[in-house]
Amino acid sequence: MIVRPDAEVLVHRLPPDGRAFAAAVQAGAPLGEAAEAGIAAAASFDFGGNLVGLFQAGAVVGLSAATLSEPYA
């Protein structure tokens, strides 16, 4: 994963489950669906560790909440 916090280019190597999770998040999937992608890639997927990793890497630039009109899966 390549990120540019403060215009500095940083490269982070992700495990297969982390790549699946990050790709789903980047595509706009809700966190639950992104976690399912990570679990599908590896049964040992660590949701908390991967989520914290995205924040620590500076890969998260915004959050949005589901509205009441959106169904919960």
N, C-alpha and C. Protein backbone atom coordinates (compact mmCIF):
# COMPACT_ATOMS: atom_id res chain seq x y z
N MET A 1 0.86 -1.15 0.00
CA MET A 1 0.00 0.00 0.00
C MET A 1 0.91 1.22 0.00
N ILE A 2 0.61 2.18 -0.85
CA ILE A 2 1.37 3.41 -0.92
C ILE A 2 0.50 4.55 -0.40
N VAL A 3 1.02 5.28 0.56
CA VAL A 3 0.30 6.43 1.12
C VAL A 3 1.23 7.64 1.07
N ARG A 4 0.62 8.83 1.12
CA ARG A 4 1.40 10.07 1.06
C ARG A 4 0.97 11.03 2.16
N PRO A 5 1.16 10.66 3.43
CA PRO A 5 0.82 11.62 4.48
C PRO A 5 1.84 12.77 4.46
N ASP A 6 1.34 13.97 4.51
CA ASP A 6 2.21 15.16 4.51
C ASP A 6 3.15 15.18 3.31
N ALA A 7 2.71 14.67 2.16
CA ALA A 7 3.45 14.66 0.89
C ALA A 7 4.68 13.75 0.91
N GLU A 8 4.86 12.96 1.95
CA GLU A 8 5.97 12.00 2.00
C GLU A 8 5.44 10.65 1.53
N VAL A 9 6.09 10.05 0.54
CA VAL A 9 5.64 8.77 0.00
C VAL A 9 6.14 7.64 0.91
N LEU A 10 5.20 6.83 1.38
CA LEU A 10 5.51 5.68 2.23
C LEU A 10 4.91 4.42 1.61
N VAL A 11 5.66 3.33 1.66
CA VAL A 11 5.20 2.06 1.13
C VAL A 11 5.06 1.08 2.29
N HIS A 12 3.90 0.45 2.39
CA HIS A 12 3.62 -0.53 3.45
C HIS A 12 3.29 -1.86 2.81
N ARG A 13 3.91 -2.92 3.27
CA ARG A 13 3.60 -4.27 2.79
C ARG A 13 2.45 -4.81 3.63
N LEU A 14 1.41 -5.28 2.95
CA LEU A 14 0.23 -5.82 3.64
C LEU A 14 0.16 -7.32 3.43
N PRO A 15 -0.32 -8.05 4.45
CA PRO A 15 -0.57 -9.48 4.25
C PRO A 15 -1.78 -9.66 3.34
N PRO A 16 -1.98 -10.87 2.78
CA PRO A 16 -3.12 -11.08 1.86
C PRO A 16 -4.46 -10.65 2.44
N ASP A 17 -4.72 -10.97 3.72
CA ASP A 17 -6.00 -10.57 4.30
C ASP A 17 -6.08 -9.05 4.44
N GLY A 18 -4.96 -8.41 4.74
CA GLY A 18 -4.92 -6.96 4.83
C GLY A 18 -5.14 -6.29 3.49
N ARG A 19 -4.62 -6.91 2.42
CA ARG A 19 -4.83 -6.36 1.08
C ARG A 19 -6.30 -6.43 0.71
N ALA A 20 -6.94 -7.56 0.99
CA ALA A 20 -8.36 -7.71 0.67
C ALA A 20 -9.20 -6.71 1.45
N PHE A 21 -8.89 -6.54 2.72
CA PHE A 21 -9.61 -5.59 3.58
C PHE A 21 -9.40 -4.16 3.07
N ALA A 22 -8.16 -3.77 2.83
CA ALA A 22 -7.86 -2.41 2.38
C ALA A 22 -8.49 -2.12 1.02
N ALA A 23 -8.47 -3.09 0.12
CA ALA A 23 -9.07 -2.89 -1.20
C ALA A 23 -10.58 -2.67 -1.07
N ALA A 24 -11.22 -3.44 -0.19
CA ALA A 24 -12.66 -3.28 0.00
C ALA A 24 -12.99 -1.92 0.61
N VAL A 25 -12.19 -1.49 1.59
CA VAL A 25 -12.40 -0.17 2.20
C VAL A 25 -12.21 0.92 1.16
N GLN A 26 -11.14 0.79 0.36
CA GLN A 26 -10.86 1.79 -0.67
C GLN A 26 -12.00 1.87 -1.68
N ALA A 27 -12.64 0.74 -1.96
CA ALA A 27 -13.74 0.70 -2.92
C ALA A 27 -15.04 1.25 -2.33
N GLY A 28 -15.02 1.59 -1.03
CA GLY A 28 -16.20 2.18 -0.40
C GLY A 28 -17.10 1.19 0.31
N ALA A 29 -16.63 -0.03 0.49
CA ALA A 29 -17.45 -1.03 1.19
C ALA A 29 -17.60 -0.66 2.66
N PRO A 30 -18.75 -0.95 3.25
CA PRO A 30 -18.90 -0.76 4.70
C PRO A 30 -17.88 -1.64 5.42
N LEU A 31 -17.52 -1.27 6.64
CA LEU A 31 -16.49 -2.02 7.37
C LEU A 31 -16.84 -3.49 7.54
N GLY A 32 -18.12 -3.81 7.73
CA GLY A 32 -18.51 -5.22 7.87
C GLY A 32 -18.21 -6.02 6.62
N GLU A 33 -18.51 -5.44 5.46
CA GLU A 33 -18.23 -6.13 4.20
C GLU A 33 -16.72 -6.21 3.96
N ALA A 34 -15.99 -5.17 4.33
CA ALA A 34 -14.54 -5.19 4.18
C ALA A 34 -13.93 -6.27 5.07
N ALA A 35 -14.47 -6.40 6.28
CA ALA A 35 -13.99 -7.44 7.19
C ALA A 35 -14.27 -8.83 6.62
N GLU A 36 -15.43 -9.00 6.00
CA GLU A 36 -15.74 -10.29 5.37
C GLU A 36 -14.75 -10.61 4.26
N ALA A 37 -14.31 -9.59 3.52
CA ALA A 37 -13.30 -9.80 2.48
C ALA A 37 -11.98 -10.25 3.10
N GLY A 38 -11.62 -9.64 4.22
CA GLY A 38 -10.40 -10.05 4.91
C GLY A 38 -10.49 -11.47 5.43
N ILE A 39 -11.63 -11.82 5.99
CA ILE A 39 -11.83 -13.19 6.52
C ILE A 39 -11.82 -14.20 5.38
N ALA A 40 -12.38 -13.83 4.23
CA ALA A 40 -12.37 -14.73 3.07
C ALA A 40 -10.95 -14.97 2.59
N ALA A 41 -10.07 -13.97 2.76
CA ALA A 41 -8.68 -14.11 2.33
C ALA A 41 -7.87 -14.96 3.31
N ALA A 42 -8.21 -14.87 4.59
CA ALA A 42 -7.50 -15.64 5.62
C ALA A 42 -8.37 -15.73 6.86
N ALA A 43 -8.58 -16.96 7.32
CA ALA A 43 -9.43 -17.16 8.51
C ALA A 43 -8.85 -16.48 9.74
N SER A 44 -7.55 -16.21 9.74
CA SER A 44 -6.90 -15.57 10.89
C SER A 44 -6.95 -14.05 10.81
N PHE A 45 -7.77 -13.49 9.92
CA PHE A 45 -7.87 -12.05 9.73
C PHE A 45 -8.08 -11.34 11.06
N ASP A 46 -7.30 -10.29 11.31
CA ASP A 46 -7.38 -9.49 12.53
C ASP A 46 -8.00 -8.14 12.17
N PHE A 47 -9.31 -8.03 12.38
CA PHE A 47 -10.02 -6.81 12.02
C PHE A 47 -9.43 -5.58 12.71
N GLY A 48 -9.31 -5.65 14.02
CA GLY A 48 -8.81 -4.51 14.78
C GLY A 48 -7.41 -4.11 14.36
N GLY A 49 -6.54 -5.08 14.21
CA GLY A 49 -5.17 -4.79 13.81
C GLY A 49 -5.09 -4.15 12.44
N ASN A 50 -5.90 -4.64 11.50
CA ASN A 50 -5.89 -4.07 10.15
C ASN A 50 -6.52 -2.68 10.12
N LEU A 51 -7.57 -2.47 10.88
CA LEU A 51 -8.20 -1.15 10.92
C LEU A 51 -7.25 -0.12 11.53
N VAL A 52 -6.62 -0.47 12.64
CA VAL A 52 -5.65 0.42 13.26
C VAL A 52 -4.49 0.68 12.30
N GLY A 53 -4.06 -0.35 11.58
CA GLY A 53 -2.97 -0.20 10.63
C GLY A 53 -3.28 0.82 9.54
N LEU A 54 -4.52 0.82 9.05
CA LEU A 54 -4.90 1.80 8.03
C LEU A 54 -4.84 3.23 8.59
N PHE A 55 -5.31 3.40 9.83
CA PHE A 55 -5.25 4.72 10.44
C PHE A 55 -3.80 5.14 10.70
N GLN A 56 -2.99 4.23 11.24
CA GLN A 56 -1.60 4.56 11.55
C GLN A 56 -0.81 4.89 10.29
N ALA A 57 -1.15 4.25 9.18
CA ALA A 57 -0.44 4.50 7.92
C ALA A 57 -0.88 5.81 7.28
N GLY A 58 -1.95 6.40 7.77
CA GLY A 58 -2.47 7.62 7.17
C GLY A 58 -3.31 7.35 5.94
N ALA A 59 -3.82 6.12 5.82
CA ALA A 59 -4.60 5.74 4.65
C ALA A 59 -6.06 6.15 4.75
N VAL A 60 -6.53 6.49 5.93
CA VAL A 60 -7.92 6.88 6.12
C VAL A 60 -8.01 8.41 6.04
N VAL A 61 -8.82 8.88 5.10
CA VAL A 61 -8.96 10.33 4.91
C VAL A 61 -10.35 10.83 5.28
N GLY A 62 -11.28 9.93 5.55
CA GLY A 62 -12.62 10.35 5.92
C GLY A 62 -13.47 9.16 6.30
N LEU A 63 -14.53 9.44 7.02
CA LEU A 63 -15.48 8.42 7.45
C LEU A 63 -16.88 8.90 7.16
N SER A 64 -17.78 7.97 6.92
CA SER A 64 -19.18 8.33 6.80
C SER A 64 -20.01 7.29 7.53
N ALA A 65 -21.10 7.72 8.09
CA ALA A 65 -21.99 6.84 8.82
C ALA A 65 -23.14 6.41 7.92
N ALA A 66 -23.63 5.20 8.15
CA ALA A 66 -24.80 4.74 7.41
C ALA A 66 -26.01 5.56 7.84
N THR A 67 -26.89 5.81 6.93
CA THR A 67 -28.11 6.54 7.28
C THR A 67 -29.19 5.53 7.64
N LEU A 68 -30.24 6.01 8.24
CA LEU A 68 -31.32 5.10 8.65
C LEU A 68 -32.00 4.46 7.44
N SER A 69 -31.91 5.09 6.28
CA SER A 69 -32.55 4.52 5.10
C SER A 69 -31.75 3.37 4.49
N GLU A 70 -30.48 3.21 4.92
CA GLU A 70 -29.65 2.14 4.40
C GLU A 70 -29.89 0.88 5.23
N PRO A 71 -30.12 -0.25 4.59
CA PRO A 71 -30.34 -1.49 5.34
C PRO A 71 -29.05 -1.98 5.97
N TYR A 72 -29.16 -2.61 7.10
CA TYR A 72 -28.02 -3.23 7.76
C TYR A 72 -27.97 -4.68 7.34
N ALA A 73 -26.79 -5.16 7.01
CA ALA A 73 -26.62 -6.55 6.58
C ALA A 73 -26.41 -7.44 7.74
